[in-house]
Amino acid sequence: MNYAAFKLSRDSKNRLTLLDEIQQKNHQVLAIRAFPISAPDEGIALVDHQGNELMWIENLQDLPTESRRLIEEELTHRDFMPEIKQINSVSSFITPCIWWVETDRGDTCFTLKGEEAIRRLSLTALLITDQYGIHFLIRDRTKLNHHSAKLLDRFL
């Protein structure tokens, strides 16, 4: 696709806007990943406040540098999904229970309401949802240390 007819910028309220130079219209947009875990740089939709798709981006790498930077900033704010690197401890093996973990964004704890809050994405990837709906990703459970794997296995 020719992205030259569109320009991304921020408005006075720091919202992402898309200028369609063909129609000479500004649209406030949200960037949404189609596959946030398996292909985070592929399949990005820019949608208006009503959810109408205004632009489809096959790959972020195809965009000019400034547009790519603006979309990556927007996605970082939208897709808050810490990746669990290590499970330090759990309060009990009966849910609800509290997990103390190390993530790529620092140490934290969360409450696991039930085993159904742990969802398999693939043979090795898991998505864990806490009591507030925050998603924690375990990209590859085979790469967890022995202690973490042993704790996790009690819930699977």
Protein backbone atom coordinates (compact mmCIF):
# COMPACT_ATOMS: atom_id res chain seq x y z
CA MET A 1 0.00 0.00 0.00
CA ASN A 2 1.12 3.54 -0.66
CA TYR A 3 1.26 5.23 2.74
CA ALA A 4 2.38 8.56 1.25
CA ALA A 5 -1.20 9.88 0.98
CA PHE A 6 -1.63 9.63 4.75
CA LYS A 7 0.17 11.48 7.53
CA LEU A 8 0.13 10.67 11.22
CA SER A 9 0.59 13.29 13.92
CA ARG A 10 -0.55 14.23 17.41
CA ASP A 11 -3.20 16.87 18.04
CA SER A 12 -3.17 19.49 20.82
CA LYS A 13 -4.50 16.88 23.29
CA ASN A 14 -1.75 14.40 22.32
CA ARG A 15 -4.19 12.10 20.50
CA LEU A 16 -3.07 10.26 17.38
CA THR A 17 -4.55 11.76 14.23
CA LEU A 18 -4.56 10.55 10.64
CA LEU A 19 -4.62 13.12 7.85
CA ASP A 20 -6.04 11.79 4.62
CA GLU A 21 -4.39 14.10 2.08
CA ILE A 22 -6.68 12.89 -0.72
CA GLN A 23 -9.90 13.88 1.10
CA GLN A 24 -8.19 16.58 3.21
CA LYS A 25 -9.73 15.15 6.41
CA ASN A 26 -8.26 14.68 9.88
CA HIS A 27 -9.38 11.62 11.85
CA GLN A 28 -8.64 10.87 15.47
CA VAL A 29 -7.49 7.23 15.44
CA LEU A 30 -6.57 4.32 17.67
CA ALA A 31 -3.94 1.77 16.67
CA ILE A 32 -4.97 -1.85 17.28
CA ARG A 33 -2.86 -4.96 16.77
CA ALA A 34 -4.52 -7.93 15.09
CA PHE A 35 -2.04 -10.39 16.61
CA PRO A 36 -0.42 -8.71 19.65
CA ILE A 37 1.44 -11.82 20.83
CA SER A 38 2.27 -13.88 17.77
CA ALA A 39 2.95 -11.06 15.27
CA PRO A 40 3.14 -7.70 17.08
CA ASP A 41 4.55 -5.78 14.09
CA GLU A 42 2.10 -7.19 11.54
CA GLY A 43 -1.56 -6.44 10.96
CA ILE A 44 -2.16 -3.06 12.57
CA ALA A 45 -5.51 -1.34 12.12
CA LEU A 46 -6.05 2.39 12.53
CA VAL A 47 -9.67 2.86 13.58
CA ASP A 48 -11.80 5.90 14.36
CA HIS A 49 -13.65 6.45 17.65
CA GLN A 50 -16.58 4.37 16.35
CA GLY A 51 -14.36 1.41 15.50
CA ASN A 52 -14.41 1.93 11.73
CA GLU A 53 -11.18 0.84 10.11
CA LEU A 54 -9.57 3.74 8.26
CA MET A 55 -6.26 2.12 7.41
CA TRP A 56 -4.71 -1.34 7.50
CA ILE A 57 -0.96 -1.66 7.92
CA GLU A 58 0.50 -5.00 6.85
CA ASN A 59 3.83 -4.44 8.59
CA LEU A 60 5.12 -1.58 10.74
CA GLN A 61 8.49 -1.79 9.00
CA ASP A 62 6.83 -0.60 5.76
CA LEU A 63 6.02 2.80 7.27
CA PRO A 64 8.17 5.92 7.27
CA THR A 65 10.21 6.28 10.47
CA GLU A 66 8.11 9.02 12.08
CA SER A 67 4.79 7.28 11.44
CA ARG A 68 6.20 4.01 12.77
CA ARG A 69 7.42 5.78 15.93
CA LEU A 70 3.99 7.37 16.56
CA ILE A 71 2.18 4.05 16.13
CA GLU A 72 4.66 2.19 18.35
CA GLU A 73 4.14 4.84 21.08
CA GLU A 74 0.38 4.45 20.79
CA LEU A 75 0.56 0.66 20.93
CA THR A 76 2.85 0.73 23.97
CA HIS A 77 0.24 2.72 25.89
CA ARG A 78 -2.62 0.54 24.68
CA ASP A 79 -1.14 -2.94 25.02
CA PHE A 80 -0.04 -3.27 28.62
CA MET A 81 0.91 -6.94 28.91
CA PRO A 82 3.84 -7.63 31.24
CA GLU A 83 5.80 -10.77 30.45
CA ILE A 84 6.43 -13.06 33.43
CA LYS A 85 10.09 -14.02 33.64
CA GLN A 86 9.95 -15.82 37.00
CA ILE A 87 7.35 -16.90 39.56
CA ASN A 88 8.83 -16.26 43.00
CA SER A 89 6.00 -17.62 45.15
CA VAL A 90 2.28 -18.16 45.48
CA SER A 91 0.18 -17.76 48.63
CA SER A 92 -1.49 -21.16 48.21
CA PHE A 93 -2.29 -23.78 45.61
CA ILE A 94 -6.02 -23.19 46.05
CA THR A 95 -7.57 -20.27 44.18
CA PRO A 96 -8.01 -17.43 44.70
CA CYS A 97 -4.35 -16.97 45.56
CA ILE A 98 -1.67 -14.30 45.30
CA TRP A 99 1.29 -14.70 42.93
CA TRP A 100 4.56 -12.82 43.40
CA VAL A 101 6.34 -12.60 40.05
CA GLU A 102 9.19 -10.92 38.21
CA THR A 103 8.16 -9.42 34.87
CA ASP A 104 9.90 -7.52 32.11
CA ARG A 105 8.46 -4.38 33.76
CA GLY A 106 9.57 -5.16 37.32
CA ASP A 107 8.41 -7.17 40.31
CA THR A 108 4.71 -7.32 41.12
CA CYS A 109 2.01 -9.43 42.69
CA PHE A 110 -1.49 -10.22 41.53
CA THR A 111 -4.46 -12.34 42.54
CA LEU A 112 -5.33 -15.37 40.43
CA LYS A 113 -9.08 -15.89 40.82
CA GLY A 114 -9.19 -19.39 39.35
CA GLU A 115 -7.38 -21.88 37.13
CA GLU A 116 -9.61 -20.76 34.25
CA ALA A 117 -7.71 -17.43 34.32
CA ILE A 118 -4.70 -19.29 32.85
CA ARG A 119 -5.20 -19.70 29.11
CA ARG A 120 -2.97 -21.71 26.77
CA LEU A 121 -2.01 -19.81 23.64
CA SER A 122 0.25 -22.54 22.26
CA LEU A 123 2.19 -25.51 23.57
CA THR A 124 4.53 -23.19 25.45
CA ALA A 125 2.80 -19.79 25.70
CA LEU A 126 0.30 -18.90 28.43
CA LEU A 127 -1.84 -15.86 29.15
CA ILE A 128 -2.73 -15.26 32.79
CA THR A 129 -5.46 -12.77 33.70
CA ASP A 130 -5.50 -11.22 37.17
CA GLN A 131 -8.53 -10.10 39.19
CA TYR A 132 -8.51 -6.67 37.46
CA GLY A 133 -8.33 -8.05 33.92
CA ILE A 134 -4.63 -7.32 33.41
CA HIS A 135 -3.02 -9.91 31.16
CA PHE A 136 0.38 -11.38 32.01
CA LEU A 137 2.20 -13.32 29.32
CA ILE A 138 4.45 -16.33 29.72
CA ARG A 139 5.97 -16.47 26.26
CA ASP A 140 7.70 -19.83 26.72
CA ARG A 141 7.06 -21.78 29.91
CA THR A 142 9.89 -24.20 29.07
CA LYS A 143 12.33 -21.32 29.62
CA LEU A 144 11.16 -20.65 33.18
CA ASN A 145 13.54 -21.68 35.95
CA HIS A 146 12.84 -24.95 37.78
CA HIS A 147 11.16 -23.31 40.79
CA SER A 148 8.84 -21.24 38.59
CA ALA A 149 7.94 -24.23 36.41
CA LYS A 150 7.15 -26.32 39.48
CA LEU A 151 4.82 -23.65 40.89
CA LEU A 152 3.11 -23.15 37.53
CA ASP A 153 2.56 -26.89 37.02
CA ARG A 154 0.42 -26.99 40.16
CA PHE A 155 -2.16 -24.81 38.37
CA LEU A 156 -2.15 -26.46 34.94
